[in-house]
Amino acid sequence: MNKLWFRLTTAITLVALTAIALSAVWGNYQVSNQFRRFVTDNQMIELNLEPALAEYYSQHGSWAGVEDVFLNQPSQAWWAWTRHAHGMPRLTLTDAGGRVVYDEVGNSPLQLAHKL
């Protein structure tokens, strides 16, 4: 009877510790992921790219040469370095058809898949 009690206590303790460890790992992943998204969103707001891109498109009628908008942002180099250093995705601009018109690494003829 004493051995059975010890085995049950050990098994329950191992299951509980495993559940706690898995919860901690999953929670850390979720918090890190959401924090990266939060930082990226706030940096996008600080860069104020949306109005600059809208103005560029309305003046030129196309995205040709849009890389100048990104290169003229005062904190663009720091922002790109920070995001890449922390494993955040690179900045990519696509047109309405999903064709990449600007990529931080360089212009690319990629076609992004549309997600529904």
PDB file of N, CA and C in Angstrom:
ATOM      1  N   MET A   1       0.822  -1.205   0.000  1.00  0.00           N
ATOM      2  CA  MET A   1       0.000   0.000   0.000  1.00  0.00           C
ATOM      3  C   MET A   1       0.860   1.261   0.000  1.00  0.00           C
ATOM      4  N   ASN A   2       1.947   1.238   0.718  1.00  0.00           N
ATOM      5  CA  ASN A   2       2.840   2.377   0.801  1.00  0.00           C
ATOM      6  C   ASN A   2       3.490   2.675  -0.553  1.00  0.00           C
ATOM      7  N   LYS A   3       3.837   1.624  -1.315  1.00  0.00           N
ATOM      8  CA  LYS A   3       4.430   1.815  -2.635  1.00  0.00           C
ATOM      9  C   LYS A   3       3.429   2.434  -3.600  1.00  0.00           C
ATOM     10  N   LEU A   4       2.179   2.013  -3.520  1.00  0.00           N
ATOM     11  CA  LEU A   4       1.145   2.551  -4.394  1.00  0.00           C
ATOM     12  C   LEU A   4       0.947   4.042  -4.125  1.00  0.00           C
ATOM     13  N   TRP A   5       0.911   4.430  -2.862  1.00  0.00           N
ATOM     14  CA  TRP A   5       0.762   5.838  -2.501  1.00  0.00           C
ATOM     15  C   TRP A   5       1.917   6.660  -3.060  1.00  0.00           C
ATOM     16  N   PHE A   6       3.133   6.158  -2.932  1.00  0.00           N
ATOM     17  CA  PHE A   6       4.321   6.857  -3.437  1.00  0.00           C
ATOM     18  C   PHE A   6       4.260   6.991  -4.967  1.00  0.00           C
ATOM     19  N   ARG A   7       3.876   5.924  -5.651  1.00  0.00           N
ATOM     20  CA  ARG A   7       3.788   5.961  -7.114  1.00  0.00           C
ATOM     21  C   ARG A   7       2.721   6.944  -7.587  1.00  0.00           C
ATOM     22  N   LEU A   8       1.572   6.940  -6.949  1.00  0.00           N
ATOM     23  CA  LEU A   8       0.512   7.872  -7.318  1.00  0.00           C
ATOM     24  C   LEU A   8       0.925   9.323  -7.061  1.00  0.00           C
ATOM     25  N   THR A   9       1.539   9.573  -5.928  1.00  0.00           N
ATOM     26  CA  THR A   9       2.000  10.921  -5.610  1.00  0.00           C
ATOM     27  C   THR A   9       3.037  11.383  -6.622  1.00  0.00           C
ATOM     28  N   THR A  10       3.968  10.517  -6.977  1.00  0.00           N
ATOM     29  CA  THR A  10       5.003  10.852  -7.949  1.00  0.00           C
ATOM     30  C   THR A  10       4.389  11.120  -9.327  1.00  0.00           C
ATOM     31  N   ALA A  11       3.459  10.281  -9.753  1.00  0.00           N
ATOM     32  CA  ALA A  11       2.822  10.440 -11.059  1.00  0.00           C
ATOM     33  C   ALA A  11       2.034  11.744 -11.126  1.00  0.00           C
ATOM     34  N   ILE A  12       1.264  12.031 -10.102  1.00  0.00           N
ATOM     35  CA  ILE A  12       0.466  13.261 -10.086  1.00  0.00           C
ATOM     36  C   ILE A  12       1.376  14.490 -10.064  1.00  0.00           C
ATOM     37  N   THR A  13       2.450  14.418  -9.301  1.00  0.00           N
ATOM     38  CA  THR A  13       3.402  15.527  -9.241  1.00  0.00           C
ATOM     39  C   THR A  13       4.053  15.757 -10.597  1.00  0.00           C
ATOM     40  N   LEU A  14       4.453  14.700 -11.284  1.00  0.00           N
ATOM     41  CA  LEU A  14       5.067  14.824 -12.604  1.00  0.00           C
ATOM     42  C   LEU A  14       4.092  15.410 -13.621  1.00  0.00           C
ATOM     43  N   VAL A  15       2.847  14.967 -13.586  1.00  0.00           N
ATOM     44  CA  VAL A  15       1.841  15.502 -14.500  1.00  0.00           C
ATOM     45  C   VAL A  15       1.609  16.987 -14.222  1.00  0.00           C
ATOM     46  N   ALA A  16       1.527  17.354 -12.953  1.00  0.00           N
ATOM     47  CA  ALA A  16       1.304  18.753 -12.593  1.00  0.00           C
ATOM     48  C   ALA A  16       2.492  19.620 -13.020  1.00  0.00           C
ATOM     49  N   LEU A  17       3.715  19.165 -12.776  1.00  0.00           N
ATOM     50  CA  LEU A  17       4.898  19.929 -13.158  1.00  0.00           C
ATOM     51  C   LEU A  17       5.012  20.062 -14.675  1.00  0.00           C
ATOM     52  N   THR A  18       4.655  19.005 -15.397  1.00  0.00           N
ATOM     53  CA  THR A  18       4.673  19.060 -16.858  1.00  0.00           C
ATOM     54  C   THR A  18       3.650  20.069 -17.366  1.00  0.00           C
ATOM     55  N   ALA A  19       2.464  20.051 -16.781  1.00  0.00           N
ATOM     56  CA  ALA A  19       1.421  21.002 -17.186  1.00  0.00           C
ATOM     57  C   ALA A  19       1.848  22.438 -16.889  1.00  0.00           C
ATOM     58  N   ILE A  20       2.464  22.667 -15.760  1.00  0.00           N
ATOM     59  CA  ILE A  20       2.929  24.009 -15.402  1.00  0.00           C
ATOM     60  C   ILE A  20       4.016  24.462 -16.365  1.00  0.00           C
ATOM     61  N   ALA A  21       4.964  23.575 -16.680  1.00  0.00           N
ATOM     62  CA  ALA A  21       6.055  23.919 -17.595  1.00  0.00           C
ATOM     63  C   ALA A  21       5.515  24.237 -18.991  1.00  0.00           C
ATOM     64  N   LEU A  22       4.601  23.416 -19.496  1.00  0.00           N
ATOM     65  CA  LEU A  22       4.020  23.659 -20.815  1.00  0.00           C
ATOM     66  C   LEU A  22       3.226  24.965 -20.835  1.00  0.00           C
ATOM     67  N   SER A  23       2.506  25.248 -19.776  1.00  0.00           N
ATOM     68  CA  SER A  23       1.758  26.503 -19.695  1.00  0.00           C
ATOM     69  C   SER A  23       2.700  27.700 -19.683  1.00  0.00           C
ATOM     70  N   ALA A  24       3.803  27.583 -18.970  1.00  0.00           N
ATOM     71  CA  ALA A  24       4.775  28.678 -18.920  1.00  0.00           C
ATOM     72  C   ALA A  24       5.399  28.920 -20.296  1.00  0.00           C
ATOM     73  N   VAL A  25       5.774  27.849 -20.997  1.00  0.00           N
ATOM     74  CA  VAL A  25       6.373  27.987 -22.325  1.00  0.00           C
ATOM     75  C   VAL A  25       5.364  28.593 -23.298  1.00  0.00           C
ATOM     76  N   TRP A  26       4.145  28.092 -23.297  1.00  0.00           N
ATOM     77  CA  TRP A  26       3.112  28.609 -24.194  1.00  0.00           C
ATOM     78  C   TRP A  26       2.802  30.070 -23.868  1.00  0.00           C
ATOM     79  N   GLY A  27       2.673  30.393 -22.592  1.00  0.00           N
ATOM     80  CA  GLY A  27       2.399  31.768 -22.189  1.00  0.00           C
ATOM     81  C   GLY A  27       3.512  32.714 -22.600  1.00  0.00           C
ATOM     82  N   ASN A  28       4.750  32.290 -22.424  1.00  0.00           N
ATOM     83  CA  ASN A  28       5.892  33.109 -22.831  1.00  0.00           C
ATOM     84  C   ASN A  28       5.882  33.342 -24.338  1.00  0.00           C
ATOM     85  N   TYR A  29       5.584  32.318 -25.103  1.00  0.00           N
ATOM     86  CA  TYR A  29       5.507  32.456 -26.561  1.00  0.00           C
ATOM     87  C   TYR A  29       4.431  33.459 -26.952  1.00  0.00           C
ATOM     88  N   GLN A  30       3.260  33.352 -26.349  1.00  0.00           N
ATOM     89  CA  GLN A  30       2.151  34.243 -26.679  1.00  0.00           C
ATOM     90  C   GLN A  30       2.465  35.692 -26.299  1.00  0.00           C
ATOM     91  N   VAL A  31       3.024  35.889 -25.127  1.00  0.00           N
ATOM     92  CA  VAL A  31       3.355  37.244 -24.683  1.00  0.00           C
ATOM     93  C   VAL A  31       4.429  37.845 -25.588  1.00  0.00           C
ATOM     94  N   SER A  32       5.452  37.075 -25.922  1.00  0.00           N
ATOM     95  CA  SER A  32       6.515  37.563 -26.804  1.00  0.00           C
ATOM     96  C   SER A  32       5.961  37.933 -28.175  1.00  0.00           C
ATOM     97  N   ASN A  33       5.104  37.084 -28.713  1.00  0.00           N
ATOM     98  CA  ASN A  33       4.517  37.323 -30.023  1.00  0.00           C
ATOM     99  C   ASN A  33       3.660  38.584 -30.025  1.00  0.00           C
ATOM    100  N   GLN A  34       2.829  38.749 -29.026  1.00  0.00           N
ATOM    101  CA  GLN A  34       1.967  39.930 -28.934  1.00  0.00           C
ATOM    102  C   GLN A  34       2.783  41.189 -28.678  1.00  0.00           C
ATOM    103  N   PHE A  35       3.848  41.074 -27.907  1.00  0.00           N
ATOM    104  CA  PHE A  35       4.685  42.234 -27.635  1.00  0.00           C
ATOM    105  C   PHE A  35       5.400  42.686 -28.907  1.00  0.00           C
ATOM    106  N   ARG A  36       5.905  41.729 -29.695  1.00  0.00           N
ATOM    107  CA  ARG A  36       6.532  42.081 -30.972  1.00  0.00           C
ATOM    108  C   ARG A  36       5.546  42.804 -31.883  1.00  0.00           C
ATOM    109  N   ARG A  37       4.325  42.301 -31.926  1.00  0.00           N
ATOM    110  CA  ARG A  37       3.297  42.932 -32.757  1.00  0.00           C
ATOM    111  C   ARG A  37       2.990  44.347 -32.258  1.00  0.00           C
ATOM    112  N   PHE A  38       2.907  44.499 -30.948  1.00  0.00           N
ATOM    113  CA  PHE A  38       2.654  45.811 -30.347  1.00  0.00           C
ATOM    114  C   PHE A  38       3.767  46.789 -30.694  1.00  0.00           C
ATOM    115  N   VAL A  39       5.007  46.367 -30.546  1.00  0.00           N
ATOM    116  CA  VAL A  39       6.146  47.237 -30.840  1.00  0.00           C
ATOM    117  C   VAL A  39       6.158  47.609 -32.316  1.00  0.00           C
ATOM    118  N   THR A  40       5.929  46.637 -33.189  1.00  0.00           N
ATOM    119  CA  THR A  40       5.921  46.906 -34.626  1.00  0.00           C
ATOM    120  C   THR A  40       4.824  47.904 -34.980  1.00  0.00           C
ATOM    121  N   ASP A  41       3.630  47.707 -34.439  1.00  0.00           N
ATOM    122  CA  ASP A  41       2.524  48.623 -34.718  1.00  0.00           C
ATOM    123  C   ASP A  41       2.837  50.039 -34.235  1.00  0.00           C
ATOM    124  N   ASN A  42       3.416  50.148 -33.037  1.00  0.00           N
ATOM    125  CA  ASN A  42       3.745  51.471 -32.513  1.00  0.00           C
ATOM    126  C   ASN A  42       4.848  52.139 -33.320  1.00  0.00           C
ATOM    127  N   GLN A  43       5.809  51.368 -33.787  1.00  0.00           N
ATOM    128  CA  GLN A  43       6.869  51.950 -34.597  1.00  0.00           C
ATOM    129  C   GLN A  43       6.324  52.394 -35.950  1.00  0.00           C
ATOM    130  N   MET A  44       5.366  51.668 -36.489  1.00  0.00           N
ATOM    131  CA  MET A  44       4.740  52.079 -37.753  1.00  0.00           C
ATOM    132  C   MET A  44       4.033  53.419 -37.559  1.00  0.00           C
ATOM    133  N   ILE A  45       3.374  53.588 -36.425  1.00  0.00           N
ATOM    134  CA  ILE A  45       2.685  54.847 -36.144  1.00  0.00           C
ATOM    135  C   ILE A  45       3.706  55.973 -36.009  1.00  0.00           C
ATOM    136  N   GLU A  46       4.835  55.690 -35.306  1.00  0.00           N
ATOM    137  CA  GLU A  46       5.872  56.706 -35.138  1.00  0.00           C
ATOM    138  C   GLU A  46       6.464  57.124 -36.482  1.00  0.00           C
ATOM    139  N   LEU A  47       6.638  56.181 -37.379  1.00  0.00           N
ATOM    140  CA  LEU A  47       7.212  56.506 -38.678  1.00  0.00           C
ATOM    141  C   LEU A  47       6.246  57.312 -39.534  1.00  0.00           C
ATOM    142  N   ASN A  48       4.963  57.196 -39.229  1.00  0.00           N
ATOM    143  CA  ASN A  48       3.939  57.949 -39.956  1.00  0.00           C
ATOM    144  C   ASN A  48       3.992  57.649 -41.459  1.00  0.00           C
ATOM    145  N   LEU A  49       4.121  56.381 -41.795  1.00  0.00           N
ATOM    146  CA  LEU A  49       4.254  55.983 -43.190  1.00  0.00           C
ATOM    147  C   LEU A  49       2.956  56.068 -43.974  1.00  0.00           C
ATOM    148  N   GLU A  50       1.843  55.766 -43.346  1.00  0.00           N
ATOM    149  CA  GLU A  50       0.584  55.720 -44.085  1.00  0.00           C
ATOM    150  C   GLU A  50       0.270  57.029 -44.816  1.00  0.00           C
ATOM    151  N   PRO A  51       0.312  58.177 -44.140  1.00  0.00           N
ATOM    152  CA  PRO A  51       0.030  59.421 -44.868  1.00  0.00           C
ATOM    153  C   PRO A  51       1.065  59.702 -45.960  1.00  0.00           C
ATOM    154  N   ALA A  52       2.327  59.393 -45.671  1.00  0.00           N
ATOM    155  CA  ALA A  52       3.367  59.642 -46.666  1.00  0.00           C
ATOM    156  C   ALA A  52       3.160  58.756 -47.895  1.00  0.00           C
ATOM    157  N   LEU A  53       2.757  57.506 -47.682  1.00  0.00           N
ATOM    158  CA  LEU A  53       2.510  56.602 -48.811  1.00  0.00           C
ATOM    159  C   LEU A  53       1.267  57.021 -49.592  1.00  0.00           C
ATOM    160  N   ALA A  54       0.228  57.419 -48.879  1.00  0.00           N
ATOM    161  CA  ALA A  54      -0.999  57.868 -49.560  1.00  0.00           C
ATOM    162  C   ALA A  54      -0.715  59.107 -50.405  1.00  0.00           C
ATOM    163  N   GLU A  55       0.044  60.031 -49.856  1.00  0.00           N
ATOM    164  CA  GLU A  55       0.388  61.242 -50.601  1.00  0.00           C
ATOM    165  C   GLU A  55       1.248  60.903 -51.827  1.00  0.00           C
ATOM    166  N   TYR A  56       2.198  59.984 -51.636  1.00  0.00           N
ATOM    167  CA  TYR A  56       3.059  59.594 -52.759  1.00  0.00           C
ATOM    168  C   TYR A  56       2.230  59.014 -53.903  1.00  0.00           C
ATOM    169  N   TYR A  57       1.317  58.103 -53.557  1.00  0.00           N
ATOM    170  CA  TYR A  57       0.509  57.454 -54.594  1.00  0.00           C
ATOM    171  C   TYR A  57      -0.415  58.461 -55.281  1.00  0.00           C
ATOM    172  N   SER A  58      -0.992  59.390 -54.517  1.00  0.00           N
ATOM    173  CA  SER A  58      -1.889  60.373 -55.137  1.00  0.00           C
ATOM    174  C   SER A  58      -1.122  61.328 -56.056  1.00  0.00           C
ATOM    175  N   GLN A  59       0.129  61.616 -55.736  1.00  0.00           N
ATOM    176  CA  GLN A  59       0.921  62.516 -56.575  1.00  0.00           C
ATOM    177  C   GLN A  59       1.462  61.821 -57.823  1.00  0.00           C
ATOM    178  N   HIS A  60       1.854  60.554 -57.697  1.00  0.00           N
ATOM    179  CA  HIS A  60       2.506  59.858 -58.800  1.00  0.00           C
ATOM    180  C   HIS A  60       1.581  58.922 -59.578  1.00  0.00           C
ATOM    181  N   GLY A  61       0.500  58.498 -58.956  1.00  0.00           N
ATOM    182  CA  GLY A  61      -0.436  57.607 -59.634  1.00  0.00           C
ATOM    183  C   GLY A  61       0.060  56.175 -59.765  1.00  0.00           C
ATOM    184  N   SER A  62       1.213  55.872 -59.218  1.00  0.00           N
ATOM    185  CA  SER A  62       1.749  54.504 -59.222  1.00  0.00           C
ATOM    186  C   SER A  62       2.730  54.382 -58.057  1.00  0.00           C
ATOM    187  N   TRP A  63       3.243  53.166 -57.883  1.00  0.00           N
ATOM    188  CA  TRP A  63       4.208  52.927 -56.815  1.00  0.00           C
ATOM    189  C   TRP A  63       5.654  52.992 -57.314  1.00  0.00           C
ATOM    190  N   ALA A  64       5.866  53.330 -58.550  1.00  0.00           N
ATOM    191  CA  ALA A  64       7.226  53.411 -59.092  1.00  0.00           C
ATOM    192  C   ALA A  64       8.035  54.445 -58.310  1.00  0.00           C
ATOM    193  N   GLY A  65       9.170  54.026 -57.780  1.00  0.00           N
ATOM    194  CA  GLY A  65      10.032  54.917 -57.011  1.00  0.00           C
ATOM    195  C   GLY A  65       9.619  55.105 -55.568  1.00  0.00           C
ATOM    196  N   VAL A  66       8.694  54.283 -55.070  1.00  0.00           N
ATOM    197  CA  VAL A  66       8.185  54.442 -53.706  1.00  0.00           C
ATOM    198  C   VAL A  66       9.276  54.222 -52.661  1.00  0.00           C
ATOM    199  N   GLU A  67      10.366  53.570 -53.010  1.00  0.00           N
ATOM    200  CA  GLU A  67      11.434  53.339 -52.027  1.00  0.00           C
ATOM    201  C   GLU A  67      11.974  54.650 -51.464  1.00  0.00           C
ATOM    202  N   ASP A  68      11.827  55.748 -52.212  1.00  0.00           N
ATOM    203  CA  ASP A  68      12.269  57.054 -51.712  1.00  0.00           C
ATOM    204  C   ASP A  68      11.505  57.459 -50.454  1.00  0.00           C
ATOM    205  N   VAL A  69      10.236  57.099 -50.370  1.00  0.00           N
ATOM    206  CA  VAL A  69       9.436  57.423 -49.185  1.00  0.00           C
ATOM    207  C   VAL A  69      10.037  56.728 -47.967  1.00  0.00           C
ATOM    208  N   PHE A  70      10.424  55.465 -48.130  1.00  0.00           N
ATOM    209  CA  PHE A  70      10.986  54.716 -47.011  1.00  0.00           C
ATOM    210  C   PHE A  70      12.382  55.203 -46.661  1.00  0.00           C
ATOM    211  N   LEU A  71      13.175  55.501 -47.652  1.00  0.00           N
ATOM    212  CA  LEU A  71      14.549  55.940 -47.415  1.00  0.00           C
ATOM    213  C   LEU A  71      14.616  57.336 -46.809  1.00  0.00           C
ATOM    214  N   ASN A  72      13.594  58.156 -47.027  1.00  0.00           N
ATOM    215  CA  ASN A  72      13.586  59.511 -46.483  1.00  0.00           C
ATOM    216  C   ASN A  72      13.041  59.594 -45.066  1.00  0.00           C
ATOM    217  N   GLN A  73      12.612  58.461 -44.512  1.00  0.00           N
ATOM    218  CA  GLN A  73      12.150  58.458 -43.129  1.00  0.00           C
ATOM    219  C   GLN A  73      13.375  58.577 -42.222  1.00  0.00           C
ATOM    220  N   PRO A  74      13.388  59.547 -41.288  1.00  0.00           N
ATOM    221  CA  PRO A  74      14.586  59.791 -40.488  1.00  0.00           C
ATOM    222  C   PRO A  74      15.026  58.604 -39.643  1.00  0.00           C
ATOM    223  N   SER A  75      14.094  57.800 -39.164  1.00  0.00           N
ATOM    224  CA  SER A  75      14.467  56.698 -38.280  1.00  0.00           C
ATOM    225  C   SER A  75      14.367  55.348 -38.974  1.00  0.00           C
ATOM    226  N   GLN A  76      14.274  55.331 -40.296  1.00  0.00           N
ATOM    227  CA  GLN A  76      14.074  54.077 -41.029  1.00  0.00           C
ATOM    228  C   GLN A  76      15.204  53.085 -40.796  1.00  0.00           C
ATOM    229  N   ALA A  77      16.454  53.518 -40.843  1.00  0.00           N
ATOM    230  CA  ALA A  77      17.576  52.604 -40.686  1.00  0.00           C
ATOM    231  C   ALA A  77      17.570  51.991 -39.284  1.00  0.00           C
ATOM    232  N   TRP A  78      17.348  52.822 -38.267  1.00  0.00           N
ATOM    233  CA  TRP A  78      17.299  52.305 -36.898  1.00  0.00           C
ATOM    234  C   TRP A  78      16.140  51.346 -36.720  1.00  0.00           C
ATOM    235  N   TRP A  79      14.988  51.709 -37.287  1.00  0.00           N
ATOM    236  CA  TRP A  79      13.789  50.896 -37.145  1.00  0.00           C
ATOM    237  C   TRP A  79      13.978  49.525 -37.784  1.00  0.00           C
ATOM    238  N   ALA A  80      14.517  49.491 -39.005  1.00  0.00           N
ATOM    239  CA  ALA A  80      14.740  48.221 -39.700  1.00  0.00           C
ATOM    240  C   ALA A  80      15.735  47.371 -38.938  1.00  0.00           C
ATOM    241  N   TRP A  81      16.818  47.979 -38.439  1.00  0.00           N
ATOM    242  CA  TRP A  81      17.823  47.212 -37.693  1.00  0.00           C
ATOM    243  C   TRP A  81      17.214  46.627 -36.427  1.00  0.00           C
ATOM    244  N   THR A  82      16.442  47.415 -35.691  1.00  0.00           N
ATOM    245  CA  THR A  82      15.825  46.946 -34.445  1.00  0.00           C
ATOM    246  C   THR A  82      14.883  45.779 -34.711  1.00  0.00           C
ATOM    247  N   ARG A  83      14.068  45.902 -35.730  1.00  0.00           N
ATOM    248  CA  ARG A  83      13.107  44.839 -36.033  1.00  0.00           C
ATOM    249  C   ARG A  83      13.830  43.572 -36.430  1.00  0.00           C
ATOM    250  N   HIS A  84      14.856  43.655 -37.263  1.00  0.00           N
ATOM    251  CA  HIS A  84      15.581  42.463 -37.687  1.00  0.00           C
ATOM    252  C   HIS A  84      16.367  41.854 -36.531  1.00  0.00           C
ATOM    253  N   ALA A  85      16.920  42.677 -35.659  1.00  0.00           N
ATOM    254  CA  ALA A  85      17.682  42.182 -34.515  1.00  0.00           C
ATOM    255  C   ALA A  85      16.797  41.394 -33.561  1.00  0.00           C
ATOM    256  N   HIS A  86      15.515  41.725 -33.514  1.00  0.00           N
ATOM    257  CA  HIS A  86      14.593  41.043 -32.608  1.00  0.00           C
ATOM    258  C   HIS A  86      13.714  40.026 -33.324  1.00  0.00           C
ATOM    259  N   GLY A  87      14.086  39.659 -34.516  1.00  0.00           N
ATOM    260  CA  GLY A  87      13.369  38.611 -35.241  1.00  0.00           C
ATOM    261  C   GLY A  87      12.001  39.008 -35.754  1.00  0.00           C
ATOM    262  N   MET A  88      11.761  40.281 -35.924  1.00  0.00           N
ATOM    263  CA  MET A  88      10.471  40.724 -36.442  1.00  0.00           C
ATOM    264  C   MET A  88      10.498  40.692 -37.964  1.00  0.00           C
ATOM    265  N   PRO A  89       9.340  40.534 -38.566  1.00  0.00           N
ATOM    266  CA  PRO A  89       9.304  40.452 -40.036  1.00  0.00           C
ATOM    267  C   PRO A  89       9.711  41.758 -40.692  1.00  0.00           C
ATOM    268  N   ARG A  90      10.233  41.643 -41.905  1.00  0.00           N
ATOM    269  CA  ARG A  90      10.635  42.851 -42.626  1.00  0.00           C
ATOM    270  C   ARG A  90       9.419  43.557 -43.199  1.00  0.00           C
ATOM    271  N   LEU A  91       9.592  44.826 -43.490  1.00  0.00           N
ATOM    272  CA  LEU A  91       8.518  45.650 -44.021  1.00  0.00           C
ATOM    273  C   LEU A  91       8.366  45.395 -45.514  1.00  0.00           C
ATOM    274  N   THR A  92       7.144  45.117 -45.939  1.00  0.00           N
ATOM    275  CA  THR A  92       6.851  44.854 -47.343  1.00  0.00           C
ATOM    276  C   THR A  92       5.592  45.617 -47.720  1.00  0.00           C
ATOM    277  N   LEU A  93       5.634  46.303 -48.858  1.00  0.00           N
ATOM    278  CA  LEU A  93       4.478  47.036 -49.367  1.00  0.00           C
ATOM    279  C   LEU A  93       4.003  46.339 -50.635  1.00  0.00           C
ATOM    280  N   THR A  94       2.709  46.049 -50.697  1.00  0.00           N
ATOM    281  CA  THR A  94       2.143  45.409 -51.884  1.00  0.00           C
ATOM    282  C   THR A  94       1.056  46.298 -52.470  1.00  0.00           C
ATOM    283  N   ASP A  95       0.815  46.114 -53.759  1.00  0.00           N
ATOM    284  CA  ASP A  95      -0.287  46.841 -54.385  1.00  0.00           C
ATOM    285  C   ASP A  95      -1.578  46.069 -54.149  1.00  0.00           C
ATOM    286  N   ALA A  96      -2.683  46.561 -54.681  1.00  0.00           N
ATOM    287  CA  ALA A  96      -3.988  45.930 -54.463  1.00  0.00           C
ATOM    288  C   ALA A  96      -4.031  44.504 -54.988  1.00  0.00           C
ATOM    289  N   GLY A  97      -3.221  44.180 -55.979  1.00  0.00           N
ATOM    290  CA  GLY A  97      -3.193  42.831 -56.542  1.00  0.00           C
ATOM    291  C   GLY A  97      -2.276  41.875 -55.799  1.00  0.00           C
ATOM    292  N   GLY A  98      -1.597  42.345 -54.753  1.00  0.00           N
ATOM    293  CA  GLY A  98      -0.704  41.487 -53.983  1.00  0.00           C
ATOM    294  C   GLY A  98       0.723  41.453 -54.516  1.00  0.00           C
ATOM    295  N   ARG A  99       1.034  42.251 -55.531  1.00  0.00           N
ATOM    296  CA  ARG A  99       2.388  42.302 -56.079  1.00  0.00           C
ATOM    297  C   ARG A  99       3.252  43.175 -55.168  1.00  0.00           C
ATOM    298  N   VAL A 100       4.428  42.677 -54.815  1.00  0.00           N
ATOM    299  CA  VAL A 100       5.326  43.416 -53.938  1.00  0.00           C
ATOM    300  C   VAL A 100       5.911  44.599 -54.705  1.00  0.00           C
ATOM    301  N   VAL A 101       5.696  45.813 -54.179  1.00  0.00           N
ATOM    302  CA  VAL A 101       6.245  47.008 -54.811  1.00  0.00           C
ATOM    303  C   VAL A 101       7.425  47.560 -54.024  1.00  0.00           C
ATOM    304  N   TYR A 102       7.562  47.172 -52.751  1.00  0.00           N
ATOM    305  CA  TYR A 102       8.719  47.549 -51.953  1.00  0.00           C
ATOM    306  C   TYR A 102       8.957  46.488 -50.903  1.00  0.00           C
ATOM    307  N   ASP A 103      10.210  46.189 -50.691  1.00  0.00           N
ATOM    308  CA  ASP A 103      10.636  45.243 -49.669  1.00  0.00           C
ATOM    309  C   ASP A 103      11.887  45.831 -49.026  1.00  0.00           C
ATOM    310  N   GLU A 104      12.021  45.740 -47.705  1.00  0.00           N
ATOM    311  CA  GLU A 104      13.192  46.314 -47.029  1.00  0.00           C
ATOM    312  C   GLU A 104      14.503  45.757 -47.568  1.00  0.00           C
ATOM    313  N   VAL A 105      14.485  44.516 -47.988  1.00  0.00           N
ATOM    314  CA  VAL A 105      15.701  43.893 -48.494  1.00  0.00           C
ATOM    315  C   VAL A 105      15.987  44.363 -49.915  1.00  0.00           C
ATOM    316  N   GLY A 106      14.971  44.748 -50.627  1.00  0.00           N
ATOM    317  CA  GLY A 106      15.114  45.215 -52.004  1.00  0.00           C
ATOM    318  C   GLY A 106      13.839  44.923 -52.762  1.00  0.00           C
ATOM    319  N   ASN A 107      13.669  45.553 -53.902  1.00  0.00           N
ATOM    320  CA  ASN A 107      12.476  45.291 -54.698  1.00  0.00           C
ATOM    321  C   ASN A 107      12.452  43.833 -55.110  1.00  0.00           C
ATOM    322  N   SER A 108      11.265  43.264 -55.112  1.00  0.00           N
ATOM    323  CA  SER A 108      11.129  41.853 -55.384  1.00  0.00           C
ATOM    324  C   SER A 108       9.913  41.608 -56.273  1.00  0.00           C
ATOM    325  N   PRO A 109      10.018  40.719 -57.250  1.00  0.00           N
ATOM    326  CA  PRO A 109       8.865  40.441 -58.113  1.00  0.00           C
ATOM    327  C   PRO A 109       7.912  39.415 -57.527  1.00  0.00           C
ATOM    328  N   LEU A 110       7.929  39.262 -56.213  1.00  0.00           N
ATOM    329  CA  LEU A 110       7.068  38.258 -55.581  1.00  0.00           C
ATOM    330  C   LEU A 110       5.594  38.617 -55.677  1.00  0.00           C
ATOM    331  N   GLN A 111       4.775  37.607 -55.536  1.00  0.00           N
ATOM    332  CA  GLN A 111       3.340  37.791 -55.474  1.00  0.00           C
ATOM    333  C   GLN A 111       2.890  37.217 -54.135  1.00  0.00           C
ATOM    334  N   LEU A 112       2.300  38.023 -53.287  1.00  0.00           N
ATOM    335  CA  LEU A 112       1.843  37.531 -52.002  1.00  0.00           C
ATOM    336  C   LEU A 112       0.494  36.838 -52.165  1.00  0.00           C
ATOM    337  N   ALA A 113       0.307  35.754 -51.451  1.00  0.00           N
ATOM    338  CA  ALA A 113      -0.960  35.026 -51.512  1.00  0.00           C
ATOM    339  C   ALA A 113      -2.000  35.818 -50.703  1.00  0.00           C
ATOM    340  N   HIS A 114      -3.195  35.892 -51.220  1.00  0.00           N
ATOM    341  CA  HIS A 114      -4.277  36.562 -50.514  1.00  0.00           C
ATOM    342  C   HIS A 114      -4.862  35.595 -49.502  1.00  0.00           C
ATOM    343  N   LYS A 115      -5.037  36.078 -48.281  1.00  0.00           N
ATOM    344  CA  LYS A 115      -5.660  35.267 -47.238  1.00  0.00           C
ATOM    345  C   LYS A 115      -7.101  35.706 -47.082  1.00  0.00           C
ATOM    346  N   LEU A 116      -7.992  34.773 -47.072  1.00  0.00           N
ATOM    347  CA  LEU A 116      -9.406  35.099 -46.904  1.00  0.00           C
ATOM    348  C   LEU A 116      -9.822  34.905 -45.481  1.00  0.00           C
TER     349      LEU A 116
END
